[in-house]
Every structure is written in structure tokens, then in C-alpha cells.
All heavy atoms as atom14 arrays in JSON, in Angstrom:
{
  "sequence": "ERIPYEVVADNVFKQISDTVTPQGVLAIVNMPEYDVKEILSDERKAWV",
  "atom14_mask": [
    [1, 1, 1, 1, 1, 1, 1, 1, 1, 0, 0, 0, 0, 0],
    [1, 1, 1, 1, 1, 1, 1, 1, 1, 1, 1, 0, 0, 0],
    [1, 1, 1, 1, 1, 1, 1, 1, 0, 0, 0, 0, 0, 0],
    [1, 1, 1, 1, 1, 1, 1, 0, 0, 0, 0, 0, 0, 0],
    [1, 1, 1, 1, 1, 1, 1, 1, 1, 1, 1, 1, 0, 0],
    [1, 1, 1, 1, 1, 1, 1, 1, 1, 0, 0, 0, 0, 0],
    [1, 1, 1, 1, 1, 1, 1, 0, 0, 0, 0, 0, 0, 0],
    [1, 1, 1, 1, 1, 1, 1, 0, 0, 0, 0, 0, 0, 0],
    [1, 1, 1, 1, 1, 0, 0, 0, 0, 0, 0, 0, 0, 0],
    [1, 1, 1, 1, 1, 1, 1, 1, 0, 0, 0, 0, 0, 0],
    [1, 1, 1, 1, 1, 1, 1, 1, 0, 0, 0, 0, 0, 0],
    [1, 1, 1, 1, 1, 1, 1, 0, 0, 0, 0, 0, 0, 0],
    [1, 1, 1, 1, 1, 1, 1, 1, 1, 1, 1, 0, 0, 0],
    [1, 1, 1, 1, 1, 1, 1, 1, 1, 0, 0, 0, 0, 0],
    [1, 1, 1, 1, 1, 1, 1, 1, 1, 0, 0, 0, 0, 0],
    [1, 1, 1, 1, 1, 1, 1, 1, 0, 0, 0, 0, 0, 0],
    [1, 1, 1, 1, 1, 1, 0, 0, 0, 0, 0, 0, 0, 0],
    [1, 1, 1, 1, 1, 1, 1, 1, 0, 0, 0, 0, 0, 0],
    [1, 1, 1, 1, 1, 1, 1, 0, 0, 0, 0, 0, 0, 0],
    [1, 1, 1, 1, 1, 1, 1, 0, 0, 0, 0, 0, 0, 0],
    [1, 1, 1, 1, 1, 1, 1, 0, 0, 0, 0, 0, 0, 0],
    [1, 1, 1, 1, 1, 1, 1, 0, 0, 0, 0, 0, 0, 0],
    [1, 1, 1, 1, 1, 1, 1, 1, 1, 0, 0, 0, 0, 0],
    [1, 1, 1, 1, 0, 0, 0, 0, 0, 0, 0, 0, 0, 0],
    [1, 1, 1, 1, 1, 1, 1, 0, 0, 0, 0, 0, 0, 0],
    [1, 1, 1, 1, 1, 1, 1, 1, 0, 0, 0, 0, 0, 0],
    [1, 1, 1, 1, 1, 0, 0, 0, 0, 0, 0, 0, 0, 0],
    [1, 1, 1, 1, 1, 1, 1, 1, 0, 0, 0, 0, 0, 0],
    [1, 1, 1, 1, 1, 1, 1, 0, 0, 0, 0, 0, 0, 0],
    [1, 1, 1, 1, 1, 1, 1, 1, 0, 0, 0, 0, 0, 0],
    [1, 1, 1, 1, 1, 1, 1, 1, 0, 0, 0, 0, 0, 0],
    [1, 1, 1, 1, 1, 1, 1, 0, 0, 0, 0, 0, 0, 0],
    [1, 1, 1, 1, 1, 1, 1, 1, 1, 0, 0, 0, 0, 0],
    [1, 1, 1, 1, 1, 1, 1, 1, 1, 1, 1, 1, 0, 0],
    [1, 1, 1, 1, 1, 1, 1, 1, 0, 0, 0, 0, 0, 0],
    [1, 1, 1, 1, 1, 1, 1, 0, 0, 0, 0, 0, 0, 0],
    [1, 1, 1, 1, 1, 1, 1, 1, 1, 0, 0, 0, 0, 0],
    [1, 1, 1, 1, 1, 1, 1, 1, 1, 0, 0, 0, 0, 0],
    [1, 1, 1, 1, 1, 1, 1, 1, 0, 0, 0, 0, 0, 0],
    [1, 1, 1, 1, 1, 1, 1, 1, 0, 0, 0, 0, 0, 0],
    [1, 1, 1, 1, 1, 1, 0, 0, 0, 0, 0, 0, 0, 0],
    [1, 1, 1, 1, 1, 1, 1, 1, 0, 0, 0, 0, 0, 0],
    [1, 1, 1, 1, 1, 1, 1, 1, 1, 0, 0, 0, 0, 0],
    [1, 1, 1, 1, 1, 1, 1, 1, 1, 1, 1, 0, 0, 0],
    [1, 1, 1, 1, 1, 1, 1, 1, 1, 0, 0, 0, 0, 0],
    [1, 1, 1, 1, 1, 0, 0, 0, 0, 0, 0, 0, 0, 0],
    [1, 1, 1, 1, 1, 1, 1, 1, 1, 1, 1, 1, 1, 1],
    [1, 1, 1, 1, 1, 1, 1, 0, 0, 0, 0, 0, 0, 0]
  ],
  "atom14_positions": [
    [[-16.06, 6.64, 25.47], [-17.31, 6.21, 26.17], [-18.38, 5.84, 25.1], [-19.34, 5.09, 25.37], [-17.91, 7.37, 27.03], [-17.05, 7.77, 28.13], [-17.52, 9.06, 28.88], [-18.65, 9.5, 28.52], [-16.77, 9.55, 29.66], [0.0, 0.0, 0.0], [0.0, 0.0, 0.0], [0.0, 0.0, 0.0], [0.0, 0.0, 0.0], [0.0, 0.0, 0.0]],
    [[-18.17, 6.21, 23.89], [-19.14, 6.0, 22.84], [-18.83, 4.92, 21.85], [-19.55, 4.63, 20.96], [-19.38, 7.3, 22.03], [-19.78, 8.48, 22.88], [-20.32, 9.59, 21.98], [-19.4, 10.08, 21.01], [-18.46, 11.09, 21.3], [-18.49, 11.7, 22.47], [-17.63, 11.51, 20.36], [0.0, 0.0, 0.0], [0.0, 0.0, 0.0], [0.0, 0.0, 0.0]],
    [[-17.59, 4.23, 22.08], [-17.21, 3.23, 21.18], [-16.92, 1.9, 21.9], [-16.53, 1.97, 23.05], [-15.96, 3.62, 20.34], [-14.82, 3.96, 21.25], [-16.3, 4.76, 19.33], [-13.48, 4.31, 20.61], [0.0, 0.0, 0.0], [0.0, 0.0, 0.0], [0.0, 0.0, 0.0], [0.0, 0.0, 0.0], [0.0, 0.0, 0.0], [0.0, 0.0, 0.0]],
    [[-17.16, 0.7, 21.22], [-16.88, -0.52, 21.92], [-15.4, -0.75, 21.92], [-14.72, -0.5, 20.86], [-17.62, -1.59, 21.05], [-17.7, -0.91, 19.68], [-17.87, 0.55, 19.92], [0.0, 0.0, 0.0], [0.0, 0.0, 0.0], [0.0, 0.0, 0.0], [0.0, 0.0, 0.0], [0.0, 0.0, 0.0], [0.0, 0.0, 0.0], [0.0, 0.0, 0.0]],
    [[-14.85, -1.26, 23.03], [-13.38, -1.47, 23.1], [-13.07, -2.65, 23.97], [-13.85, -3.01, 24.8], [-12.65, -0.21, 23.47], [-12.83, 0.19, 24.95], [-11.99, -0.34, 25.97], [-13.76, 1.04, 25.33], [-12.13, 0.0, 27.28], [-14.01, 1.47, 26.63], [-13.09, 0.89, 27.63], [-13.29, 1.29, 28.95], [0.0, 0.0, 0.0], [0.0, 0.0, 0.0]],
    [[-11.86, -3.15, 23.79], [-11.3, -4.22, 24.66], [-9.92, -3.87, 25.02], [-9.12, -3.29, 24.21], [-11.22, -5.56, 23.87], [-12.56, -6.17, 23.48], [-13.24, -6.94, 24.59], [-12.66, -7.0, 25.67], [-14.25, -7.49, 24.32], [0.0, 0.0, 0.0], [0.0, 0.0, 0.0], [0.0, 0.0, 0.0], [0.0, 0.0, 0.0], [0.0, 0.0, 0.0]],
    [[-9.49, -4.2, 26.27], [-8.15, -4.03, 26.68], [-7.42, -5.41, 26.45], [-8.0, -6.46, 26.74], [-8.13, -3.64, 28.19], [-6.65, -3.5, 28.65], [-8.79, -2.26, 28.4], [0.0, 0.0, 0.0], [0.0, 0.0, 0.0], [0.0, 0.0, 0.0], [0.0, 0.0, 0.0], [0.0, 0.0, 0.0], [0.0, 0.0, 0.0], [0.0, 0.0, 0.0]],
    [[-6.2, -5.36, 25.96], [-5.51, -6.55, 25.58], [-4.15, -6.64, 26.35], [-3.47, -5.56, 26.39], [-5.28, -6.58, 24.04], [-4.54, -7.9, 23.7], [-6.6, -6.44, 23.27], [0.0, 0.0, 0.0], [0.0, 0.0, 0.0], [0.0, 0.0, 0.0], [0.0, 0.0, 0.0], [0.0, 0.0, 0.0], [0.0, 0.0, 0.0], [0.0, 0.0, 0.0]],
    [[-3.78, -7.79, 26.86], [-2.56, -7.95, 27.49], [-1.43, -7.6, 26.52], [-1.52, -7.96, 25.36], [-2.39, -9.35, 28.04], [0.0, 0.0, 0.0], [0.0, 0.0, 0.0], [0.0, 0.0, 0.0], [0.0, 0.0, 0.0], [0.0, 0.0, 0.0], [0.0, 0.0, 0.0], [0.0, 0.0, 0.0], [0.0, 0.0, 0.0], [0.0, 0.0, 0.0]],
    [[-0.38, -6.98, 27.06], [0.75, -6.55, 26.12], [1.35, -7.68, 25.27], [1.59, -7.44, 24.14], [1.82, -5.92, 27.03], [1.48, -4.53, 27.56], [0.33, -4.03, 27.21], [2.23, -4.03, 28.39], [0.0, 0.0, 0.0], [0.0, 0.0, 0.0], [0.0, 0.0, 0.0], [0.0, 0.0, 0.0], [0.0, 0.0, 0.0], [0.0, 0.0, 0.0]],
    [[1.5, -8.86, 25.88], [2.15, -9.93, 25.13], [1.19, -10.42, 24.02], [1.62, -10.85, 22.95], [2.54, -11.12, 26.03], [1.29, -11.74, 26.65], [0.45, -10.98, 27.31], [1.16, -13.01, 26.67], [0.0, 0.0, 0.0], [0.0, 0.0, 0.0], [0.0, 0.0, 0.0], [0.0, 0.0, 0.0], [0.0, 0.0, 0.0], [0.0, 0.0, 0.0]],
    [[-0.04, -10.34, 24.21], [-1.11, -10.71, 23.12], [-1.17, -9.6, 22.14], [-1.3, -9.95, 20.91], [-2.5, -10.93, 23.78], [-3.49, -11.3, 22.78], [-2.35, -12.09, 24.82], [0.0, 0.0, 0.0], [0.0, 0.0, 0.0], [0.0, 0.0, 0.0], [0.0, 0.0, 0.0], [0.0, 0.0, 0.0], [0.0, 0.0, 0.0], [0.0, 0.0, 0.0]],
    [[-1.06, -8.35, 22.54], [-1.21, -7.25, 21.6], [-0.09, -7.33, 20.59], [-0.29, -6.98, 19.36], [-1.18, -5.91, 22.29], [-1.56, -4.73, 21.5], [-2.94, -4.32, 21.38], [-0.76, -4.1, 20.61], [-3.29, -3.28, 20.58], [-1.07, -3.07, 19.73], [-2.4, -2.69, 19.76], [0.0, 0.0, 0.0], [0.0, 0.0, 0.0], [0.0, 0.0, 0.0]],
    [[1.06, -7.79, 20.98], [2.2, -7.87, 19.99], [1.88, -8.9, 18.9], [2.4, -8.69, 17.78], [3.49, -8.38, 20.77], [4.08, -7.26, 21.65], [5.34, -7.85, 22.39], [5.92, -6.75, 23.23], [7.09, -7.41, 24.07], [0.0, 0.0, 0.0], [0.0, 0.0, 0.0], [0.0, 0.0, 0.0], [0.0, 0.0, 0.0], [0.0, 0.0, 0.0]],
    [[1.02, -9.84, 19.17], [0.7, -10.82, 18.14], [-0.3, -10.22, 17.11], [-0.29, -10.73, 15.94], [0.04, -12.05, 18.83], [0.93, -12.77, 19.79], [2.32, -13.14, 19.26], [2.37, -13.67, 18.22], [3.34, -12.76, 19.95], [0.0, 0.0, 0.0], [0.0, 0.0, 0.0], [0.0, 0.0, 0.0], [0.0, 0.0, 0.0], [0.0, 0.0, 0.0]],
    [[-1.08, -9.23, 17.5], [-2.09, -8.69, 16.55], [-1.55, -7.44, 15.87], [-2.14, -6.93, 14.97], [-3.43, -8.43, 17.28], [-3.21, -7.4, 18.37], [-4.12, -9.68, 17.74], [-4.55, -6.99, 19.02], [0.0, 0.0, 0.0], [0.0, 0.0, 0.0], [0.0, 0.0, 0.0], [0.0, 0.0, 0.0], [0.0, 0.0, 0.0], [0.0, 0.0, 0.0]],
    [[-0.42, -6.91, 16.3], [0.08, -5.74, 15.71], [0.98, -6.07, 14.43], [1.62, -7.14, 14.43], [0.99, -4.99, 16.73], [1.67, -3.91, 16.07], [0.0, 0.0, 0.0], [0.0, 0.0, 0.0], [0.0, 0.0, 0.0], [0.0, 0.0, 0.0], [0.0, 0.0, 0.0], [0.0, 0.0, 0.0], [0.0, 0.0, 0.0], [0.0, 0.0, 0.0]],
    [[0.95, -5.25, 13.48], [1.69, -5.44, 12.27], [3.01, -4.58, 12.24], [3.64, -4.55, 11.21], [0.81, -5.17, 10.98], [1.49, -5.58, 9.7], [1.63, -6.83, 9.52], [1.78, -4.7, 8.9], [0.0, 0.0, 0.0], [0.0, 0.0, 0.0], [0.0, 0.0, 0.0], [0.0, 0.0, 0.0], [0.0, 0.0, 0.0], [0.0, 0.0, 0.0]],
    [[3.26, -3.89, 13.33], [4.43, -3.0, 13.33], [5.46, -3.58, 14.3], [5.14, -4.29, 15.23], [3.96, -1.58, 13.79], [3.43, -1.71, 15.14], [3.01, -0.9, 12.87], [0.0, 0.0, 0.0], [0.0, 0.0, 0.0], [0.0, 0.0, 0.0], [0.0, 0.0, 0.0], [0.0, 0.0, 0.0], [0.0, 0.0, 0.0], [0.0, 0.0, 0.0]],
    [[6.69, -3.15, 14.13], [7.82, -3.62, 14.96], [7.7, -2.99, 16.32], [7.94, -3.63, 17.36], [9.16, -3.17, 14.33], [10.35, -3.65, 15.19], [9.31, -3.82, 12.95], [0.0, 0.0, 0.0], [0.0, 0.0, 0.0], [0.0, 0.0, 0.0], [0.0, 0.0, 0.0], [0.0, 0.0, 0.0], [0.0, 0.0, 0.0], [0.0, 0.0, 0.0]],
    [[7.28, -1.73, 16.46], [7.15, -1.03, 17.74], [5.69, -0.56, 17.85], [5.39, 0.56, 17.46], [8.15, 0.15, 17.88], [7.97, 1.04, 16.67], [9.51, -0.35, 17.94], [0.0, 0.0, 0.0], [0.0, 0.0, 0.0], [0.0, 0.0, 0.0], [0.0, 0.0, 0.0], [0.0, 0.0, 0.0], [0.0, 0.0, 0.0], [0.0, 0.0, 0.0]],
    [[4.76, -1.45, 18.3], [3.37, -1.05, 18.41], [3.02, 0.13, 19.24], [3.75, 0.35, 20.28], [2.74, -2.36, 18.93], [3.7, -3.42, 18.76], [5.06, -2.71, 18.76], [0.0, 0.0, 0.0], [0.0, 0.0, 0.0], [0.0, 0.0, 0.0], [0.0, 0.0, 0.0], [0.0, 0.0, 0.0], [0.0, 0.0, 0.0], [0.0, 0.0, 0.0]],
    [[2.08, 1.0, 18.82], [1.58, 2.05, 19.62], [0.73, 1.62, 20.77], [0.36, 2.38, 21.67], [0.91, 3.15, 18.84], [1.9, 3.9, 17.87], [1.17, 4.98, 17.06], [0.23, 5.62, 17.54], [1.57, 5.12, 15.87], [0.0, 0.0, 0.0], [0.0, 0.0, 0.0], [0.0, 0.0, 0.0], [0.0, 0.0, 0.0], [0.0, 0.0, 0.0]],
    [[0.24, 0.43, 20.68], [-0.72, -0.17, 21.66], [-2.13, 0.15, 21.36], [-2.93, -0.07, 22.29], [0.0, 0.0, 0.0], [0.0, 0.0, 0.0], [0.0, 0.0, 0.0], [0.0, 0.0, 0.0], [0.0, 0.0, 0.0], [0.0, 0.0, 0.0], [0.0, 0.0, 0.0], [0.0, 0.0, 0.0], [0.0, 0.0, 0.0], [0.0, 0.0, 0.0]],
    [[-2.46, 0.57, 20.15], [-3.88, 0.89, 19.89], [-4.11, 0.46, 18.44], [-3.4, 0.92, 17.54], [-4.24, 2.32, 20.2], [-3.36, 3.27, 19.49], [-5.63, 2.66, 19.86], [0.0, 0.0, 0.0], [0.0, 0.0, 0.0], [0.0, 0.0, 0.0], [0.0, 0.0, 0.0], [0.0, 0.0, 0.0], [0.0, 0.0, 0.0], [0.0, 0.0, 0.0]],
    [[-5.22, -0.24, 18.16], [-5.66, -0.49, 16.79], [-7.14, -0.77, 16.78], [-7.78, -0.88, 17.86], [-4.87, -1.72, 16.19], [-4.84, -3.08, 16.89], [-6.15, -3.84, 16.72], [-3.74, -3.94, 16.32], [0.0, 0.0, 0.0], [0.0, 0.0, 0.0], [0.0, 0.0, 0.0], [0.0, 0.0, 0.0], [0.0, 0.0, 0.0], [0.0, 0.0, 0.0]],
    [[-7.74, -0.8, 15.63], [-9.18, -1.01, 15.56], [-9.51, -1.81, 14.3], [-8.86, -1.8, 13.28], [-9.79, 0.37, 15.45], [0.0, 0.0, 0.0], [0.0, 0.0, 0.0], [0.0, 0.0, 0.0], [0.0, 0.0, 0.0], [0.0, 0.0, 0.0], [0.0, 0.0, 0.0], [0.0, 0.0, 0.0], [0.0, 0.0, 0.0], [0.0, 0.0, 0.0]],
    [[-10.67, -2.53, 14.42], [-11.35, -3.08, 13.26], [-12.18, -1.98, 12.71], [-12.95, -1.37, 13.4], [-12.15, -4.32, 13.65], [-11.27, -5.41, 14.12], [-12.99, -4.75, 12.46], [-12.0, -6.64, 14.55], [0.0, 0.0, 0.0], [0.0, 0.0, 0.0], [0.0, 0.0, 0.0], [0.0, 0.0, 0.0], [0.0, 0.0, 0.0], [0.0, 0.0, 0.0]],
    [[-12.02, -1.75, 11.34], [-12.68, -0.64, 10.69], [-13.55, -1.07, 9.57], [-13.11, -2.0, 8.78], [-11.66, 0.39, 10.25], [-12.25, 1.6, 9.62], [-10.74, 0.82, 11.45], [0.0, 0.0, 0.0], [0.0, 0.0, 0.0], [0.0, 0.0, 0.0], [0.0, 0.0, 0.0], [0.0, 0.0, 0.0], [0.0, 0.0, 0.0], [0.0, 0.0, 0.0]],
    [[-14.68, -0.53, 9.35], [-15.5, -0.86, 8.16], [-14.9, -0.06, 6.96], [-14.61, 1.05, 7.02], [-16.95, -0.37, 8.39], [-17.56, -1.1, 9.57], [-17.58, -2.25, 9.61], [-18.13, -0.42, 10.46], [0.0, 0.0, 0.0], [0.0, 0.0, 0.0], [0.0, 0.0, 0.0], [0.0, 0.0, 0.0], [0.0, 0.0, 0.0], [0.0, 0.0, 0.0]],
    [[-14.83, -0.8, 5.82], [-14.26, -0.22, 4.58], [-15.11, 0.85, 4.07], [-16.31, 0.77, 3.97], [-14.08, -1.28, 3.56], [-13.05, -2.36, 3.77], [-13.04, -3.57, 2.37], [-11.71, -4.66, 2.92], [0.0, 0.0, 0.0], [0.0, 0.0, 0.0], [0.0, 0.0, 0.0], [0.0, 0.0, 0.0], [0.0, 0.0, 0.0], [0.0, 0.0, 0.0]],
    [[-14.46, 2.01, 3.67], [-15.18, 2.97, 2.91], [-15.4, 2.4, 1.46], [-14.52, 1.64, 1.0], [-14.21, 4.19, 2.87], [-12.92, 3.81, 3.51], [-13.1, 2.36, 4.01], [0.0, 0.0, 0.0], [0.0, 0.0, 0.0], [0.0, 0.0, 0.0], [0.0, 0.0, 0.0], [0.0, 0.0, 0.0], [0.0, 0.0, 0.0], [0.0, 0.0, 0.0]],
    [[-16.44, 2.7, 0.86], [-16.71, 2.27, -0.5], [-17.25, 3.35, -1.4], [-18.01, 4.21, -0.95], [-17.74, 1.06, -0.43], [-17.26, -0.18, 0.2], [-18.22, -1.28, 0.15], [-19.33, -1.15, 0.78], [-18.02, -2.27, -0.59], [0.0, 0.0, 0.0], [0.0, 0.0, 0.0], [0.0, 0.0, 0.0], [0.0, 0.0, 0.0], [0.0, 0.0, 0.0]],
    [[-16.77, 3.28, -2.69], [-17.19, 4.33, -3.65], [-17.51, 3.67, -4.91], [-16.92, 2.6, -5.36], [-16.09, 5.38, -3.86], [-15.63, 6.09, -2.62], [-14.49, 5.53, -1.95], [-16.3, 7.12, -2.06], [-14.02, 6.18, -0.76], [-15.85, 7.74, -0.93], [-14.74, 7.21, -0.27], [-14.37, 7.89, 0.85], [0.0, 0.0, 0.0], [0.0, 0.0, 0.0]],
    [[-18.41, 4.27, -5.68], [-18.79, 3.8, -7.01], [-17.89, 4.5, -8.0], [-17.65, 5.76, -7.96], [-20.28, 4.08, -7.22], [-20.75, 3.53, -8.54], [-21.09, 2.36, -8.52], [-20.9, 4.29, -9.48], [0.0, 0.0, 0.0], [0.0, 0.0, 0.0], [0.0, 0.0, 0.0], [0.0, 0.0, 0.0], [0.0, 0.0, 0.0], [0.0, 0.0, 0.0]],
    [[-17.56, 3.76, -9.1], [-16.75, 4.37, -10.13], [-17.41, 5.57, -10.81], [-16.77, 6.55, -11.18], [-16.31, 3.3, -11.16], [-17.5, 2.79, -11.93], [-15.21, 3.85, -12.09], [0.0, 0.0, 0.0], [0.0, 0.0, 0.0], [0.0, 0.0, 0.0], [0.0, 0.0, 0.0], [0.0, 0.0, 0.0], [0.0, 0.0, 0.0], [0.0, 0.0, 0.0]],
    [[-18.74, 5.51, -10.93], [-19.45, 6.65, -11.51], [-19.35, 7.86, -10.65], [-19.25, 9.03, -11.21], [-20.96, 6.3, -11.7], [-21.17, 5.2, -12.79], [-22.59, 4.87, -12.95], [-22.82, 3.8, -14.03], [-24.26, 3.4, -14.2], [0.0, 0.0, 0.0], [0.0, 0.0, 0.0], [0.0, 0.0, 0.0], [0.0, 0.0, 0.0], [0.0, 0.0, 0.0]],
    [[-19.3, 7.7, -9.35], [-19.14, 8.77, -8.44], [-17.75, 9.48, -8.58], [-17.66, 10.72, -8.64], [-19.26, 8.26, -7.0], [-19.11, 9.32, -5.92], [-19.15, 8.79, -4.52], [-19.44, 7.51, -4.37], [-19.06, 9.48, -3.56], [0.0, 0.0, 0.0], [0.0, 0.0, 0.0], [0.0, 0.0, 0.0], [0.0, 0.0, 0.0], [0.0, 0.0, 0.0]],
    [[-16.76, 8.64, -8.87], [-15.42, 9.17, -9.04], [-15.36, 9.9, -10.39], [-14.78, 10.92, -10.48], [-14.44, 8.06, -8.93], [-14.42, 7.44, -7.5], [-12.98, 8.51, -9.27], [-13.55, 6.19, -7.41], [0.0, 0.0, 0.0], [0.0, 0.0, 0.0], [0.0, 0.0, 0.0], [0.0, 0.0, 0.0], [0.0, 0.0, 0.0], [0.0, 0.0, 0.0]],
    [[-15.86, 9.29, -11.44], [-15.75, 9.9, -12.76], [-16.61, 11.12, -12.84], [-16.3, 11.99, -13.73], [-16.24, 8.86, -13.83], [-15.33, 7.61, -14.03], [-15.92, 6.72, -15.04], [-13.92, 8.02, -14.41], [0.0, 0.0, 0.0], [0.0, 0.0, 0.0], [0.0, 0.0, 0.0], [0.0, 0.0, 0.0], [0.0, 0.0, 0.0], [0.0, 0.0, 0.0]],
    [[-17.58, 11.36, -12.02], [-18.4, 12.53, -12.15], [-17.86, 13.7, -11.29], [-18.39, 14.78, -11.31], [-19.86, 12.23, -11.69], [-19.88, 11.78, -10.4], [0.0, 0.0, 0.0], [0.0, 0.0, 0.0], [0.0, 0.0, 0.0], [0.0, 0.0, 0.0], [0.0, 0.0, 0.0], [0.0, 0.0, 0.0], [0.0, 0.0, 0.0], [0.0, 0.0, 0.0]],
    [[-16.74, 13.5, -10.59], [-16.15, 14.49, -9.73], [-15.88, 15.77, -10.56], [-15.27, 15.61, -11.63], [-14.91, 13.96, -9.01], [-14.36, 14.95, -8.06], [-13.47, 15.77, -8.43], [-14.68, 14.89, -6.9], [0.0, 0.0, 0.0], [0.0, 0.0, 0.0], [0.0, 0.0, 0.0], [0.0, 0.0, 0.0], [0.0, 0.0, 0.0], [0.0, 0.0, 0.0]],
    [[-16.18, 16.91, -10.04], [-16.08, 18.12, -10.79], [-14.63, 18.53, -11.05], [-14.31, 19.35, -12.01], [-16.77, 19.3, -10.11], [-16.2, 19.63, -8.72], [-16.92, 20.68, -8.0], [-18.04, 21.08, -8.47], [-16.46, 21.19, -7.01], [0.0, 0.0, 0.0], [0.0, 0.0, 0.0], [0.0, 0.0, 0.0], [0.0, 0.0, 0.0], [0.0, 0.0, 0.0]],
    [[-13.58, 17.99, -10.33], [-12.19, 18.37, -10.51], [-11.63, 17.77, -11.8], [-10.65, 18.18, -12.38], [-11.36, 17.99, -9.3], [-11.68, 18.86, -8.16], [-11.0, 18.27, -6.83], [-11.76, 17.08, -6.43], [-11.49, 16.4, -5.28], [-10.6, 16.93, -4.47], [-12.13, 15.33, -5.03], [0.0, 0.0, 0.0], [0.0, 0.0, 0.0], [0.0, 0.0, 0.0]],
    [[-12.21, 16.6, -12.27], [-11.79, 15.93, -13.47], [-10.3, 15.68, -13.53], [-9.59, 16.05, -14.53], [-12.24, 16.83, -14.71], [-13.73, 17.21, -14.73], [-14.62, 16.05, -14.76], [-16.13, 16.41, -14.72], [-17.01, 15.33, -14.58], [0.0, 0.0, 0.0], [0.0, 0.0, 0.0], [0.0, 0.0, 0.0], [0.0, 0.0, 0.0], [0.0, 0.0, 0.0]],
    [[-9.77, 15.07, -12.55], [-8.39, 14.75, -12.41], [-8.26, 13.36, -11.79], [-8.43, 13.23, -10.58], [-7.65, 15.86, -11.6], [0.0, 0.0, 0.0], [0.0, 0.0, 0.0], [0.0, 0.0, 0.0], [0.0, 0.0, 0.0], [0.0, 0.0, 0.0], [0.0, 0.0, 0.0], [0.0, 0.0, 0.0], [0.0, 0.0, 0.0], [0.0, 0.0, 0.0]],
    [[-7.97, 12.42, -12.62], [-7.92, 11.01, -12.13], [-6.62, 10.36, -12.22], [-5.85, 10.56, -13.11], [-8.94, 10.22, -12.93], [-10.34, 10.76, -12.92], [-11.33, 10.62, -11.98], [-10.98, 11.57, -13.94], [-12.43, 11.24, -12.32], [-12.24, 11.83, -13.58], [-10.56, 12.1, -15.19], [-13.16, 12.58, -14.29], [-11.41, 12.85, -15.94], [-12.71, 13.07, -15.52]],
    [[-6.32, 9.46, -11.24], [-5.14, 8.59, -11.23], [-5.57, 7.11, -11.58], [-6.48, 6.61, -10.94], [-4.44, 8.59, -9.93], [-3.16, 7.77, -9.98], [-4.16, 10.0, -9.38], [0.0, 0.0, 0.0], [0.0, 0.0, 0.0], [0.0, 0.0, 0.0], [0.0, 0.0, 0.0], [0.0, 0.0, 0.0], [0.0, 0.0, 0.0], [0.0, 0.0, 0.0]]
  ]
}
């Protein structure tokens, strides 16, 4: 009730899915973003 959504016909949904057997649900999502200084200042001091 709190999020915008659209219902999509099954044959159209297959065109937007990237999986062989779609679950029938996907979303457009805003990217999380981080600054490199934030990562380097993390107290665990363990980086990949």
C-alpha cells in the first residue's frame, strides 16, 4: 500500500525478466552510494 507498483501481463513480464524462470516480481531500485573515505575510515580496517 505504501509503494508505487504496476501489474504486468505474463507474456510482457517475460521480456523484462533476466532469469530463465521468473518469480514474477522485480523493481527499479535507486543505487546505494558510498564515498571511498567512508570505506577507508571504517573501524574494522579490513578491505577487499
